Amino acid sequence: MKSASRQVLGNRRSFPDALASSPAQECFARNLYHDRDHNVDAAKLLPGEYFVCTRDMLLVTVLGSCVAACIRDVRLGMGGMNHFMLPDREAAESESIGARYGTYAMEVLINHLLKLGARRENLEAKVFGGGNVLPGLVQANVGHKNAAFVEAFLSTENIRVAARDLAAGHPRKVYYFPANGRVLVKRLRSLHNDTVLERETEYRQRLIRAPESGEVELFS
């Protein structure tokens, strides 16, 4: 898989230097494997990660309260996915800090696509997650806020949302094929989501320790 990793990642020096500066910021997913069911190389995203590819691959993640934006250039057939959560009030001193973090998480993904040659007018998004499944945060509607944020961000940036499966009370497993935009979503039973809850709880703790992210500007 080392050669595949080099092919997908390209020139790492072109990534924002800020990515390694905070445990709460988005980082490039490194869990690569070959998916036997679909006979394609795949990348598995954990909370706080994103991935971009320029060849036929499968991107996989499991979402509870977090959201994932799947964005691709429909003409070039390349795209990526992120997996993030807004800091809740315990993690952020104000709503603006949470919004800045969510904006950063989206812009890291979009900027990477633009650096690889994607054009903003050709971008298409599909968004998933935002279920109210994280204990202690159901009353705070964290999942709903994550879902509302990602839709509002894409609307502001004039990026068309081609599909969505947001909110509700269950976790989801998402399979995304950036080359053709195909998405498979499996809704998971709450009785079997301990791993999801553990990962998102750990991710939330990282957000509490470092809620404010660096700034990234979109370019065209």
C-alpha atoms as a PDB file:
ATOM      1  CA  MET A   1       0.000   0.000   0.000  1.00  0.00           C
ATOM      2  CA  LYS A   2       2.992   2.350   0.242  1.00  0.00           C
ATOM      3  CA  SER A   3       3.034   2.982  -3.484  1.00  0.00           C
ATOM      4  CA  ALA A   4      -0.733   3.592  -3.428  1.00  0.00           C
ATOM      5  CA  SER A   5      -0.287   6.064  -0.594  1.00  0.00           C
ATOM      6  CA  ARG A   6       2.275   8.049  -2.560  1.00  0.00           C
ATOM      7  CA  GLN A   7       0.006   8.073  -5.619  1.00  0.00           C
ATOM      8  CA  VAL A   8      -2.946   9.388  -3.646  1.00  0.00           C
ATOM      9  CA  LEU A   9      -1.155  11.880  -1.435  1.00  0.00           C
ATOM     10  CA  GLY A  10       0.970  13.531  -4.083  1.00  0.00           C
ATOM     11  CA  ASN A  11       3.153  16.414  -2.909  1.00  0.00           C
ATOM     12  CA  ARG A  12       2.613  16.659   0.843  1.00  0.00           C
ATOM     13  CA  ARG A  13       4.456  19.982   0.961  1.00  0.00           C
ATOM     14  CA  SER A  14       1.455  21.617  -0.691  1.00  0.00           C
ATOM     15  CA  PHE A  15      -0.775  20.889   2.338  1.00  0.00           C
ATOM     16  CA  PRO A  16      -1.473  23.691   4.822  1.00  0.00           C
ATOM     17  CA  ASP A  17       1.308  23.742   7.433  1.00  0.00           C
ATOM     18  CA  ALA A  18      -1.346  24.415  10.068  1.00  0.00           C
ATOM     19  CA  LEU A  19      -2.684  20.859   9.832  1.00  0.00           C
ATOM     20  CA  ALA A  20      -0.196  19.532  12.370  1.00  0.00           C
ATOM     21  CA  SER A  21      -0.486  22.446  14.799  1.00  0.00           C
ATOM     22  CA  SER A  22      -3.570  21.325  16.739  1.00  0.00           C
ATOM     23  CA  PRO A  23      -5.079  17.957  17.678  1.00  0.00           C
ATOM     24  CA  ALA A  24      -8.518  19.392  16.898  1.00  0.00           C
ATOM     25  CA  GLN A  25      -7.753  20.283  13.289  1.00  0.00           C
ATOM     26  CA  GLU A  26      -8.477  18.087  10.297  1.00  0.00           C
ATOM     27  CA  CYS A  27      -5.699  15.649   9.371  1.00  0.00           C
ATOM     28  CA  PHE A  28      -5.250  13.468   6.312  1.00  0.00           C
ATOM     29  CA  ALA A  29      -6.520   9.912   6.867  1.00  0.00           C
ATOM     30  CA  ARG A  30      -3.808   7.253   6.766  1.00  0.00           C
ATOM     31  CA  ASN A  31      -5.835   4.065   7.195  1.00  0.00           C
ATOM     32  CA  LEU A  32      -5.602   2.626   3.670  1.00  0.00           C
ATOM     33  CA  TYR A  33      -6.642  -0.905   2.725  1.00  0.00           C
ATOM     34  CA  HIS A  34      -8.098  -2.947  -0.124  1.00  0.00           C
ATOM     35  CA  ASP A  35     -11.852  -3.443   0.096  1.00  0.00           C
ATOM     36  CA  ARG A  36     -12.552  -6.985  -1.087  1.00  0.00           C
ATOM     37  CA  ASP A  37     -16.312  -6.529  -1.363  1.00  0.00           C
ATOM     38  CA  HIS A  38     -15.937  -3.744  -3.922  1.00  0.00           C
ATOM     39  CA  ASN A  39     -12.500  -4.797  -5.220  1.00  0.00           C
ATOM     40  CA  VAL A  40     -11.051  -1.312  -4.857  1.00  0.00           C
ATOM     41  CA  ASP A  41      -8.471   0.470  -2.707  1.00  0.00           C
ATOM     42  CA  ALA A  42     -10.111   2.281   0.178  1.00  0.00           C
ATOM     43  CA  ALA A  43      -9.448   4.800   2.927  1.00  0.00           C
ATOM     44  CA  LYS A  44     -11.196   4.688   6.298  1.00  0.00           C
ATOM     45  CA  LEU A  45     -11.786   8.067   7.952  1.00  0.00           C
ATOM     46  CA  LEU A  46     -11.912   8.558  11.700  1.00  0.00           C
ATOM     47  CA  PRO A  47     -13.325  11.655  13.462  1.00  0.00           C
ATOM     48  CA  GLY A  48     -11.221  14.715  12.639  1.00  0.00           C
ATOM     49  CA  GLU A  49      -9.830  13.294   9.390  1.00  0.00           C
ATOM     50  CA  TYR A  50     -10.317  13.984   5.692  1.00  0.00           C
ATOM     51  CA  PHE A  51      -9.159  12.327   2.479  1.00  0.00           C
ATOM     52  CA  VAL A  52      -8.849  13.376  -1.167  1.00  0.00           C
ATOM     53  CA  CYS A  53      -8.123  11.126  -4.151  1.00  0.00           C
ATOM     54  CA  THR A  54      -7.668  11.599  -7.874  1.00  0.00           C
ATOM     55  CA  ARG A  55      -8.227   7.970  -8.890  1.00  0.00           C
ATOM     56  CA  ASP A  56     -10.890   5.320  -8.401  1.00  0.00           C
ATOM     57  CA  MET A  57     -11.099   4.662  -4.656  1.00  0.00           C
ATOM     58  CA  LEU A  58     -13.637   4.046  -1.912  1.00  0.00           C
ATOM     59  CA  LEU A  59     -13.864   6.361   1.106  1.00  0.00           C
ATOM     60  CA  VAL A  60     -15.500   4.909   4.214  1.00  0.00           C
ATOM     61  CA  THR A  61     -16.521   6.382   7.552  1.00  0.00           C
ATOM     62  CA  VAL A  62     -18.950   5.724  10.399  1.00  0.00           C
ATOM     63  CA  LEU A  63     -20.916   8.701  11.738  1.00  0.00           C
ATOM     64  CA  GLY A  64     -22.788   9.285  14.951  1.00  0.00           C
ATOM     65  CA  SER A  65     -23.218  12.942  15.922  1.00  0.00           C
ATOM     66  CA  CYS A  66     -20.459  13.942  13.493  1.00  0.00           C
ATOM     67  CA  VAL A  67     -21.103  14.885   9.876  1.00  0.00           C
ATOM     68  CA  ALA A  68     -19.273  14.021   6.670  1.00  0.00           C
ATOM     69  CA  ALA A  69     -19.226  16.134   3.550  1.00  0.00           C
ATOM     70  CA  CYS A  70     -18.464  14.211   0.349  1.00  0.00           C
ATOM     71  CA  ILE A  71     -17.361  16.684  -2.313  1.00  0.00           C
ATOM     72  CA  ARG A  72     -16.228  16.016  -5.890  1.00  0.00           C
ATOM     73  CA  ASP A  73     -15.494  17.771  -9.150  1.00  0.00           C
ATOM     74  CA  VAL A  74     -18.121  16.205 -11.404  1.00  0.00           C
ATOM     75  CA  ARG A  75     -16.099  16.795 -14.576  1.00  0.00           C
ATOM     76  CA  LEU A  76     -12.721  15.570 -13.331  1.00  0.00           C
ATOM     77  CA  GLY A  77     -14.118  12.668 -11.317  1.00  0.00           C
ATOM     78  CA  MET A  78     -11.980  13.391  -8.264  1.00  0.00           C
ATOM     79  CA  GLY A  79     -13.124  14.189  -4.783  1.00  0.00           C
ATOM     80  CA  GLY A  80     -12.855  13.680  -1.075  1.00  0.00           C
ATOM     81  CA  MET A  81     -14.589  13.357   2.259  1.00  0.00           C
ATOM     82  CA  ASN A  82     -14.224  14.856   5.715  1.00  0.00           C
ATOM     83  CA  HIS A  83     -15.529  13.803   9.137  1.00  0.00           C
ATOM     84  CA  PHE A  84     -15.986  16.482  11.772  1.00  0.00           C
ATOM     85  CA  MET A  85     -18.006  17.791  14.698  1.00  0.00           C
ATOM     86  CA  LEU A  86     -18.609  21.334  15.895  1.00  0.00           C
ATOM     87  CA  PRO A  87     -17.413  22.045  19.444  1.00  0.00           C
ATOM     88  CA  ASP A  88     -20.389  22.175  21.817  1.00  0.00           C
ATOM     89  CA  ARG A  89     -20.746  24.912  24.429  1.00  0.00           C
ATOM     90  CA  GLU A  90     -18.491  23.041  26.849  1.00  0.00           C
ATOM     91  CA  ALA A  91     -15.745  23.067  24.230  1.00  0.00           C
ATOM     92  CA  ALA A  92     -16.330  26.534  22.778  1.00  0.00           C
ATOM     93  CA  GLU A  93     -16.644  29.825  24.602  1.00  0.00           C
ATOM     94  CA  SER A  94     -19.062  31.102  21.970  1.00  0.00           C
ATOM     95  CA  GLU A  95     -21.005  29.994  18.913  1.00  0.00           C
ATOM     96  CA  SER A  96     -18.506  31.874  16.729  1.00  0.00           C
ATOM     97  CA  ILE A  97     -15.625  29.635  17.826  1.00  0.00           C
ATOM     98  CA  GLY A  98     -17.641  26.561  16.898  1.00  0.00           C
ATOM     99  CA  ALA A  99     -18.525  28.085  13.531  1.00  0.00           C
ATOM    100  CA  ARG A 100     -14.874  28.916  12.846  1.00  0.00           C
ATOM    101  CA  TYR A 101     -13.884  25.325  13.524  1.00  0.00           C
ATOM    102  CA  GLY A 102     -16.590  23.933  11.261  1.00  0.00           C
ATOM    103  CA  THR A 103     -15.603  26.378   8.535  1.00  0.00           C
ATOM    104  CA  TYR A 104     -11.976  25.334   8.848  1.00  0.00           C
ATOM    105  CA  ALA A 105     -12.897  21.652   8.546  1.00  0.00           C
ATOM    106  CA  MET A 106     -14.805  22.319   5.322  1.00  0.00           C
ATOM    107  CA  GLU A 107     -12.231  24.650   3.810  1.00  0.00           C
ATOM    108  CA  VAL A 108      -9.361  22.200   4.325  1.00  0.00           C
ATOM    109  CA  LEU A 109     -11.181  19.671   2.142  1.00  0.00           C
ATOM    110  CA  ILE A 110     -12.247  22.170  -0.507  1.00  0.00           C
ATOM    111  CA  ASN A 111      -8.829  23.840  -0.688  1.00  0.00           C
ATOM    112  CA  HIS A 112      -7.153  20.485  -1.218  1.00  0.00           C
ATOM    113  CA  LEU A 113      -9.469  19.728  -4.131  1.00  0.00           C
ATOM    114  CA  LEU A 114      -8.835  23.147  -5.670  1.00  0.00           C
ATOM    115  CA  LYS A 115      -5.071  22.679  -5.352  1.00  0.00           C
ATOM    116  CA  LEU A 116      -5.388  19.451  -7.313  1.00  0.00           C
ATOM    117  CA  GLY A 117      -7.189  21.206 -10.162  1.00  0.00           C
ATOM    118  CA  ALA A 118     -10.865  21.084  -9.228  1.00  0.00           C
ATOM    119  CA  ARG A 119     -12.998  24.090 -10.163  1.00  0.00           C
ATOM    120  CA  ARG A 120     -15.480  25.584  -7.739  1.00  0.00           C
ATOM    121  CA  GLU A 121     -18.272  25.728 -10.317  1.00  0.00           C
ATOM    122  CA  ASN A 122     -17.966  21.966 -10.862  1.00  0.00           C
ATOM    123  CA  LEU A 123     -18.156  20.952  -7.199  1.00  0.00           C
ATOM    124  CA  GLU A 124     -20.986  18.739  -5.976  1.00  0.00           C
ATOM    125  CA  ALA A 125     -21.621  17.750  -2.347  1.00  0.00           C
ATOM    126  CA  LYS A 126     -23.379  14.911  -0.581  1.00  0.00           C
ATOM    127  CA  VAL A 127     -23.743  15.210   3.200  1.00  0.00           C
ATOM    128  CA  PHE A 128     -24.439  12.677   5.920  1.00  0.00           C
ATOM    129  CA  GLY A 129     -24.582  12.215   9.686  1.00  0.00           C
ATOM    130  CA  GLY A 130     -25.598  14.527  12.478  1.00  0.00           C
ATOM    131  CA  GLY A 131     -27.523  11.896  14.422  1.00  0.00           C
ATOM    132  CA  ASN A 132     -28.254  12.665  18.070  1.00  0.00           C
ATOM    133  CA  VAL A 133     -26.492   9.605  19.437  1.00  0.00           C
ATOM    134  CA  LEU A 134     -23.655  10.929  21.641  1.00  0.00           C
ATOM    135  CA  PRO A 135     -24.553  10.532  25.353  1.00  0.00           C
ATOM    136  CA  GLY A 136     -24.759  13.818  27.220  1.00  0.00           C
ATOM    137  CA  LEU A 137     -25.160  15.869  24.043  1.00  0.00           C
ATOM    138  CA  VAL A 138     -28.626  14.817  22.907  1.00  0.00           C
ATOM    139  CA  GLN A 139     -30.345  17.684  24.725  1.00  0.00           C
ATOM    140  CA  ALA A 140     -27.806  20.121  23.237  1.00  0.00           C
ATOM    141  CA  ASN A 141     -28.833  18.938  19.742  1.00  0.00           C
ATOM    142  CA  VAL A 142     -25.189  18.640  18.700  1.00  0.00           C
ATOM    143  CA  GLY A 143     -26.033  16.330  15.813  1.00  0.00           C
ATOM    144  CA  HIS A 144     -28.712  18.715  14.541  1.00  0.00           C
ATOM    145  CA  LYS A 145     -26.313  21.680  14.799  1.00  0.00           C
ATOM    146  CA  ASN A 146     -23.649  19.790  12.851  1.00  0.00           C
ATOM    147  CA  ALA A 147     -26.169  18.967  10.124  1.00  0.00           C
ATOM    148  CA  ALA A 148     -27.495  22.538   9.971  1.00  0.00           C
ATOM    149  CA  PHE A 149     -23.971  23.939   9.798  1.00  0.00           C
ATOM    150  CA  VAL A 150     -22.808  21.829   6.865  1.00  0.00           C
ATOM    151  CA  GLU A 151     -25.910  22.666   4.827  1.00  0.00           C
ATOM    152  CA  ALA A 152     -25.618  26.395   5.606  1.00  0.00           C
ATOM    153  CA  PHE A 153     -21.914  26.416   4.707  1.00  0.00           C
ATOM    154  CA  LEU A 154     -22.482  24.756   1.346  1.00  0.00           C
ATOM    155  CA  SER A 155     -25.372  27.080   0.573  1.00  0.00           C
ATOM    156  CA  THR A 156     -23.214  30.125   1.348  1.00  0.00           C
ATOM    157  CA  GLU A 157     -20.418  28.789  -0.869  1.00  0.00           C
ATOM    158  CA  ASN A 158     -22.885  27.998  -3.687  1.00  0.00           C
ATOM    159  CA  ILE A 159     -21.912  24.325  -3.742  1.00  0.00           C
ATOM    160  CA  ARG A 160     -24.816  22.170  -4.870  1.00  0.00           C
ATOM    161  CA  VAL A 161     -25.981  19.457  -2.466  1.00  0.00           C
ATOM    162  CA  ALA A 162     -26.924  16.465  -4.609  1.00  0.00           C
ATOM    163  CA  ALA A 163     -27.882  14.130  -1.734  1.00  0.00           C
ATOM    164  CA  ARG A 164     -28.304  14.211   2.020  1.00  0.00           C
ATOM    165  CA  ASP A 165     -29.107  11.889   4.919  1.00  0.00           C
ATOM    166  CA  LEU A 166     -28.927  13.979   8.072  1.00  0.00           C
ATOM    167  CA  ALA A 167     -30.108  14.111  11.702  1.00  0.00           C
ATOM    168  CA  ALA A 168     -32.414  11.400  13.171  1.00  0.00           C
ATOM    169  CA  GLY A 169     -31.337   9.175  16.047  1.00  0.00           C
ATOM    170  CA  HIS A 170     -29.067   6.559  14.512  1.00  0.00           C
ATOM    171  CA  PRO A 171     -25.423   6.246  13.447  1.00  0.00           C
ATOM    172  CA  ARG A 172     -24.530   5.625   9.798  1.00  0.00           C
ATOM    173  CA  LYS A 173     -21.826   3.888   7.815  1.00  0.00           C
ATOM    174  CA  VAL A 174     -21.055   5.749   4.583  1.00  0.00           C
ATOM    175  CA  TYR A 175     -19.332   4.384   1.471  1.00  0.00           C
ATOM    176  CA  TYR A 176     -18.350   7.066  -1.058  1.00  0.00           C
ATOM    177  CA  PHE A 177     -16.902   6.590  -4.536  1.00  0.00           C
ATOM    178  CA  PRO A 178     -15.543  10.023  -5.610  1.00  0.00           C
ATOM    179  CA  ALA A 179     -14.832   8.915  -9.193  1.00  0.00           C
ATOM    180  CA  ASN A 180     -18.544   8.593 -10.016  1.00  0.00           C
ATOM    181  CA  GLY A 181     -20.239  10.123  -6.970  1.00  0.00           C
ATOM    182  CA  ARG A 182     -21.944   6.904  -5.882  1.00  0.00           C
ATOM    183  CA  VAL A 183     -22.821   6.676  -2.171  1.00  0.00           C
ATOM    184  CA  LEU A 184     -24.019   3.759  -0.086  1.00  0.00           C
ATOM    185  CA  VAL A 185     -25.418   4.515   3.385  1.00  0.00           C
ATOM    186  CA  LYS A 186     -26.115   1.876   6.007  1.00  0.00           C
ATOM    187  CA  ARG A 187     -28.085   2.920   9.066  1.00  0.00           C
ATOM    188  CA  LEU A 188     -26.728   1.142  12.130  1.00  0.00           C
ATOM    189  CA  ARG A 189     -28.635  -0.127  15.134  1.00  0.00           C
ATOM    190  CA  SER A 190     -27.932   1.824  18.319  1.00  0.00           C
ATOM    191  CA  LEU A 191     -27.194  -1.440  20.169  1.00  0.00           C
ATOM    192  CA  HIS A 192     -24.052  -1.920  18.108  1.00  0.00           C
ATOM    193  CA  ASN A 193     -22.572   1.565  18.063  1.00  0.00           C
ATOM    194  CA  ASP A 194     -20.207   1.400  21.080  1.00  0.00           C
ATOM    195  CA  THR A 195     -17.159   1.892  18.850  1.00  0.00           C
ATOM    196  CA  VAL A 196     -18.761   4.922  17.192  1.00  0.00           C
ATOM    197  CA  LEU A 197     -19.536   6.487  20.564  1.00  0.00           C
ATOM    198  CA  GLU A 198     -16.050   5.815  21.903  1.00  0.00           C
ATOM    199  CA  ARG A 199     -14.375   7.419  18.882  1.00  0.00           C
ATOM    200  CA  GLU A 200     -16.622  10.484  18.900  1.00  0.00           C
ATOM    201  CA  THR A 201     -16.271  10.909  22.671  1.00  0.00           C
ATOM    202  CA  GLU A 202     -12.484  10.850  22.334  1.00  0.00           C
ATOM    203  CA  TYR A 203     -12.715  13.299  19.422  1.00  0.00           C
ATOM    204  CA  ARG A 204     -14.915  15.618  21.496  1.00  0.00           C
ATOM    205  CA  GLN A 205     -12.304  15.591  24.251  1.00  0.00           C
ATOM    206  CA  ARG A 206      -9.704  16.751  21.715  1.00  0.00           C
ATOM    207  CA  LEU A 207     -12.030  19.591  20.718  1.00  0.00           C
ATOM    208  CA  ILE A 208     -12.374  20.617  24.363  1.00  0.00           C
ATOM    209  CA  ARG A 209      -8.583  20.762  24.742  1.00  0.00           C
ATOM    210  CA  ALA A 210      -8.098  22.770  21.541  1.00  0.00           C
ATOM    211  CA  PRO A 211     -11.398  24.221  20.325  1.00  0.00           C
ATOM    212  CA  GLU A 212     -10.147  27.106  18.201  1.00  0.00           C
ATOM    213  CA  SER A 213      -8.681  26.224  14.815  1.00  0.00           C
ATOM    214  CA  GLY A 214      -6.360  28.110  12.546  1.00  0.00           C
ATOM    215  CA  GLU A 215      -7.770  30.108   9.686  1.00  0.00           C
ATOM    216  CA  VAL A 216      -7.802  28.956   6.079  1.00  0.00           C
ATOM    217  CA  GLU A 217      -8.918  31.055   3.142  1.00  0.00           C
ATOM    218  CA  LEU A 218     -10.678  29.580   0.140  1.00  0.00           C
ATOM    219  CA  PHE A 219      -9.090  30.331  -3.210  1.00  0.00           C
ATOM    220  CA  SER A 220     -10.270  29.845  -6.786  1.00  0.00           C
END
